[in-house]
Structure formats: structure tokens, C-alpha cells
PDB file of all heavy atoms in Angstrom:
ATOM      1  N   GLY A   1      62.219 133.063  56.859  1.00  0.00           N
ATOM      2  CA  GLY A   1      61.248 133.005  55.775  1.00  0.00           C
ATOM      3  C   GLY A   1      61.676 133.823  54.576  1.00  0.00           C
ATOM      4  O   GLY A   1      62.865 134.034  54.337  1.00  0.00           O
ATOM      5  N   LEU A   2      60.705 134.303  53.818  1.00  0.00           N
ATOM      6  CA  LEU A   2      60.967 135.082  52.611  1.00  0.00           C
ATOM      7  C   LEU A   2      61.629 136.412  52.955  1.00  0.00           C
ATOM      8  O   LEU A   2      61.229 137.086  53.908  1.00  0.00           O
ATOM      9  CB  LEU A   2      59.652 135.326  51.862  1.00  0.00           C
ATOM     10  CG  LEU A   2      59.743 136.090  50.538  1.00  0.00           C
ATOM     11  CD1 LEU A   2      60.545 135.302  49.505  1.00  0.00           C
ATOM     12  CD2 LEU A   2      58.345 136.395  50.008  1.00  0.00           C
ATOM     13  N   ASN A   3      62.634 136.786  52.146  1.00  0.00           N
ATOM     14  CA  ASN A   3      63.385 138.013  52.408  1.00  0.00           C
ATOM     15  C   ASN A   3      63.626 138.801  51.128  1.00  0.00           C
ATOM     16  O   ASN A   3      64.620 139.498  50.985  1.00  0.00           O
ATOM     17  CB  ASN A   3      64.726 137.663  53.069  1.00  0.00           C
ATOM     18  CG  ASN A   3      65.380 138.849  53.734  1.00  0.00           C
ATOM     19  OD1 ASN A   3      64.714 139.771  54.186  1.00  0.00           O
ATOM     20  ND2 ASN A   3      66.701 138.835  53.806  1.00  0.00           N
ATOM     21  N   SER A   4      62.706 138.704  50.176  1.00  0.00           N
ATOM     22  CA  SER A   4      62.904 139.276  48.846  1.00  0.00           C
ATOM     23  C   SER A   4      63.069 140.780  48.848  1.00  0.00           C
ATOM     24  O   SER A   4      63.706 141.352  47.963  1.00  0.00           O
ATOM     25  CB  SER A   4      61.725 138.891  47.944  1.00  0.00           C
ATOM     26  OG  SER A   4      60.500 139.330  48.529  1.00  0.00           O
ATOM     27  N   VAL A   5      62.484 141.455  49.826  1.00  0.00           N
ATOM     28  CA  VAL A   5      62.601 142.920  49.901  1.00  0.00           C
ATOM     29  C   VAL A   5      63.145 143.358  51.259  1.00  0.00           C
ATOM     30  O   VAL A   5      62.877 144.456  51.733  1.00  0.00           O
ATOM     31  CB  VAL A   5      61.238 143.601  49.618  1.00  0.00           C
ATOM     32  CG1 VAL A   5      60.868 143.455  48.157  1.00  0.00           C
ATOM     33  CG2 VAL A   5      60.134 143.041  50.502  1.00  0.00           C
ATOM     34  N   GLY A   6      63.907 142.470  51.893  1.00  0.00           N
ATOM     35  CA  GLY A   6      64.554 142.825  53.149  1.00  0.00           C
ATOM     36  C   GLY A   6      63.674 142.737  54.373  1.00  0.00           C
ATOM     37  O   GLY A   6      64.025 143.276  55.437  1.00  0.00           O
ATOM     38  N   GLN A   7      62.541 142.043  54.297  1.00  0.00           N
ATOM     39  CA  GLN A   7      61.603 142.010  55.414  1.00  0.00           C
ATOM     40  C   GLN A   7      62.135 141.280  56.644  1.00  0.00           C
ATOM     41  O   GLN A   7      61.578 141.414  57.734  1.00  0.00           O
ATOM     42  CB  GLN A   7      60.257 141.428  54.990  1.00  0.00           C
ATOM     43  CG  GLN A   7      60.286 140.044  54.381  1.00  0.00           C
ATOM     44  CD  GLN A   7      60.341 140.061  52.863  1.00  0.00           C
ATOM     45  OE1 GLN A   7      61.241 140.644  52.272  1.00  0.00           O
ATOM     46  NE2 GLN A   7      59.395 139.396  52.221  1.00  0.00           N
ATOM     47  N   LEU A   8      63.236 140.524  56.499  1.00  0.00           N
ATOM     48  CA  LEU A   8      63.824 139.863  57.659  1.00  0.00           C
ATOM     49  C   LEU A   8      64.718 140.783  58.475  1.00  0.00           C
ATOM     50  O   LEU A   8      65.066 140.476  59.610  1.00  0.00           O
ATOM     51  CB  LEU A   8      64.626 138.621  57.233  1.00  0.00           C
ATOM     52  CG  LEU A   8      63.839 137.504  56.547  1.00  0.00           C
ATOM     53  CD1 LEU A   8      64.722 136.276  56.363  1.00  0.00           C
ATOM     54  CD2 LEU A   8      62.569 137.147  57.311  1.00  0.00           C
ATOM     55  N   GLY A   9      65.121 141.917  57.889  1.00  0.00           N
ATOM     56  CA  GLY A   9      65.871 142.908  58.639  1.00  0.00           C
ATOM     57  C   GLY A   9      67.310 142.536  58.940  1.00  0.00           C
ATOM     58  O   GLY A   9      67.920 143.107  59.852  1.00  0.00           O
ATOM     59  N   ASN A  10      67.866 141.617  58.172  1.00  0.00           N
ATOM     60  CA  ASN A  10      69.242 141.194  58.446  1.00  0.00           C
ATOM     61  C   ASN A  10      70.255 141.763  57.453  1.00  0.00           C
ATOM     62  O   ASN A  10      71.389 141.291  57.374  1.00  0.00           O
ATOM     63  CB  ASN A  10      69.329 139.665  58.464  1.00  0.00           C
ATOM     64  CG  ASN A  10      68.894 139.033  57.145  1.00  0.00           C
ATOM     65  OD1 ASN A  10      68.756 139.717  56.135  1.00  0.00           O
ATOM     66  ND2 ASN A  10      68.668 137.729  57.162  1.00  0.00           N
ATOM     67  N   GLY A  11      69.853 142.777  56.695  1.00  0.00           N
ATOM     68  CA  GLY A  11      70.771 143.434  55.778  1.00  0.00           C
ATOM     69  C   GLY A  11      70.966 142.729  54.458  1.00  0.00           C
ATOM     70  O   GLY A  11      71.830 143.130  53.665  1.00  0.00           O
ATOM     71  N   THR A  12      70.182 141.668  54.191  1.00  0.00           N
ATOM     72  CA  THR A  12      70.306 140.927  52.939  1.00  0.00           C
ATOM     73  C   THR A  12      68.931 140.760  52.310  1.00  0.00           C
ATOM     74  O   THR A  12      67.919 141.194  52.860  1.00  0.00           O
ATOM     75  CB  THR A  12      70.910 139.522  53.158  1.00  0.00           C
ATOM     76  OG1 THR A  12      69.895 138.648  53.691  1.00  0.00           O
ATOM     77  CG2 THR A  12      72.079 139.565  54.112  1.00  0.00           C
ATOM     78  N   THR A  13      68.901 140.093  51.168  1.00  0.00           N
ATOM     79  CA  THR A  13      67.636 139.670  50.558  1.00  0.00           C
ATOM     80  C   THR A  13      67.631 138.160  50.367  1.00  0.00           C
ATOM     81  O   THR A  13      66.978 137.626  49.474  1.00  0.00           O
ATOM     82  CB  THR A  13      67.416 140.366  49.201  1.00  0.00           C
ATOM     83  OG1 THR A  13      68.541 140.112  48.355  1.00  0.00           O
ATOM     84  CG2 THR A  13      67.220 141.868  49.372  1.00  0.00           C
ATOM     85  N   VAL A  14      68.362 137.471  51.229  1.00  0.00           N
ATOM     86  CA  VAL A  14      68.467 136.015  51.178  1.00  0.00           C
ATOM     87  C   VAL A  14      67.436 135.400  52.128  1.00  0.00           C
ATOM     88  O   VAL A  14      67.350 135.792  53.298  1.00  0.00           O
ATOM     89  CB  VAL A  14      69.884 135.550  51.571  1.00  0.00           C
ATOM     90  CG1 VAL A  14      69.974 134.029  51.563  1.00  0.00           C
ATOM     91  CG2 VAL A  14      70.912 136.160  50.633  1.00  0.00           C
ATOM     92  N   ASN A  15      66.657 134.438  51.637  1.00  0.00           N
ATOM     93  CA  ASN A  15      65.677 133.751  52.489  1.00  0.00           C
ATOM     94  C   ASN A  15      66.384 132.936  53.563  1.00  0.00           C
ATOM     95  O   ASN A  15      67.527 132.511  53.386  1.00  0.00           O
ATOM     96  CB  ASN A  15      64.797 132.819  51.656  1.00  0.00           C
ATOM     97  CG  ASN A  15      64.020 133.542  50.579  1.00  0.00           C
ATOM     98  OD1 ASN A  15      63.855 134.752  50.621  1.00  0.00           O
ATOM     99  ND2 ASN A  15      63.537 132.800  49.604  1.00  0.00           N
ATOM    100  N   ARG A  16      65.665 132.693  54.685  1.00  0.00           N
ATOM    101  CA  ARG A  16      66.181 131.842  55.761  1.00  0.00           C
ATOM    102  C   ARG A  16      65.123 130.804  56.105  1.00  0.00           C
ATOM    103  O   ARG A  16      63.943 131.136  56.178  1.00  0.00           O
ATOM    104  CB  ARG A  16      66.465 132.649  57.025  1.00  0.00           C
ATOM    105  CG  ARG A  16      67.714 133.493  57.006  1.00  0.00           C
ATOM    106  CD  ARG A  16      68.004 134.019  58.406  1.00  0.00           C
ATOM    107  NE  ARG A  16      68.184 132.924  59.347  1.00  0.00           N
ATOM    108  CZ  ARG A  16      69.363 132.402  59.680  1.00  0.00           C
ATOM    109  NH1 ARG A  16      70.456 132.887  59.151  1.00  0.00           N
ATOM    110  NH2 ARG A  16      69.437 131.402  60.543  1.00  0.00           N
ATOM    111  N   ASN A  17      65.543 129.552  56.347  1.00  0.00           N
ATOM    112  CA  ASN A  17      64.586 128.532  56.768  1.00  0.00           C
ATOM    113  C   ASN A  17      64.763 128.107  58.224  1.00  0.00           C
ATOM    114  O   ASN A  17      64.166 127.140  58.673  1.00  0.00           O
ATOM    115  CB  ASN A  17      64.617 127.309  55.835  1.00  0.00           C
ATOM    116  CG  ASN A  17      65.960 126.619  55.808  1.00  0.00           C
ATOM    117  OD1 ASN A  17      66.810 126.807  56.677  1.00  0.00           O
ATOM    118  ND2 ASN A  17      66.170 125.799  54.780  1.00  0.00           N
ATOM    119  N   THR A  18      65.585 128.855  58.960  1.00  0.00           N
ATOM    120  CA  THR A  18      65.703 128.691  60.405  1.00  0.00           C
ATOM    121  C   THR A  18      65.776 130.080  61.028  1.00  0.00           C
ATOM    122  O   THR A  18      66.189 131.043  60.367  1.00  0.00           O
ATOM    123  CB  THR A  18      66.965 127.899  60.799  1.00  0.00           C
ATOM    124  OG1 THR A  18      68.117 128.591  60.288  1.00  0.00           O
ATOM    125  CG2 THR A  18      66.932 126.477  60.273  1.00  0.00           C
ATOM    126  N   PRO A  19      65.395 130.229  62.294  1.00  0.00           N
ATOM    127  CA  PRO A  19      65.463 131.542  62.931  1.00  0.00           C
ATOM    128  C   PRO A  19      66.887 132.078  62.964  1.00  0.00           C
ATOM    129  O   PRO A  19      67.834 131.362  63.305  1.00  0.00           O
ATOM    130  CB  PRO A  19      64.955 131.261  64.352  1.00  0.00           C
ATOM    131  CG  PRO A  19      64.082 130.062  64.202  1.00  0.00           C
ATOM    132  CD  PRO A  19      64.741 129.220  63.153  1.00  0.00           C
ATOM    133  N   GLY A  20      67.025 133.357  62.582  1.00  0.00           N
ATOM    134  CA  GLY A  20      68.316 134.028  62.637  1.00  0.00           C
ATOM    135  C   GLY A  20      68.179 135.336  63.384  1.00  0.00           C
ATOM    136  O   GLY A  20      67.213 136.082  63.190  1.00  0.00           O
ATOM    137  N   GLN A  21      69.127 135.636  64.263  1.00  0.00           N
ATOM    138  CA  GLN A  21      69.045 136.856  65.076  1.00  0.00           C
ATOM    139  C   GLN A  21      69.274 138.091  64.224  1.00  0.00           C
ATOM    140  O   GLN A  21      70.133 138.105  63.342  1.00  0.00           O
ATOM    141  CB  GLN A  21      70.052 136.813  66.221  1.00  0.00           C
ATOM    142  CG  GLN A  21      69.908 137.973  67.187  1.00  0.00           C
ATOM    143  CD  GLN A  21      70.854 137.877  68.377  1.00  0.00           C
ATOM    144  OE1 GLN A  21      71.430 136.828  68.641  1.00  0.00           O
ATOM    145  NE2 GLN A  21      71.001 138.975  69.102  1.00  0.00           N
ATOM    146  N   ILE A  22      68.497 139.138  64.492  1.00  0.00           N
ATOM    147  CA  ILE A  22      68.658 140.421  63.813  1.00  0.00           C
ATOM    148  C   ILE A  22      69.616 141.268  64.627  1.00  0.00           C
ATOM    149  O   ILE A  22      69.295 141.674  65.747  1.00  0.00           O
ATOM    150  CB  ILE A  22      67.305 141.136  63.657  1.00  0.00           C
ATOM    151  CG1 ILE A  22      66.366 140.299  62.795  1.00  0.00           C
ATOM    152  CG2 ILE A  22      67.498 142.524  63.050  1.00  0.00           C
ATOM    153  CD1 ILE A  22      64.982 140.892  62.647  1.00  0.00           C
ATOM    154  N   ASN A  23      70.789 141.522  64.123  1.00  0.00           N
ATOM    155  CA  ASN A  23      71.902 142.241  64.752  1.00  0.00           C
ATOM    156  C   ASN A  23      72.098 141.814  66.207  1.00  0.00           C
ATOM    157  O   ASN A  23      71.582 140.789  66.647  1.00  0.00           O
ATOM    158  CB  ASN A  23      71.763 143.769  64.594  1.00  0.00           C
ATOM    159  CG  ASN A  23      70.516 144.337  65.235  1.00  0.00           C
ATOM    160  OD1 ASN A  23      70.158 143.997  66.357  1.00  0.00           O
ATOM    161  ND2 ASN A  23      69.839 145.225  64.516  1.00  0.00           N
ATOM    162  N   ALA A  24      72.843 142.598  66.968  1.00  0.00           N
ATOM    163  CA  ALA A  24      73.181 142.189  68.341  1.00  0.00           C
ATOM    164  C   ALA A  24      72.355 142.928  69.387  1.00  0.00           C
ATOM    165  O   ALA A  24      72.635 142.824  70.581  1.00  0.00           O
ATOM    166  CB  ALA A  24      74.665 142.422  68.592  1.00  0.00           C
TER     167      ALA A  24
END
């Protein structure tokens, strides 16, 4: 989803429209 302020926790501010794993 929205990642404008890093809320996805993946080290970027890029939005995602599919589930992505947060680190290992």
C-alpha cells in the first residue's frame, strides 16, 4: 500500500500493490 513516510517498513518510500516481505 501507501509508503509515503516509510510505513511499509521496507527501507523505502515506494508504494507497493502486492505483499512484500519486510527484511528476512
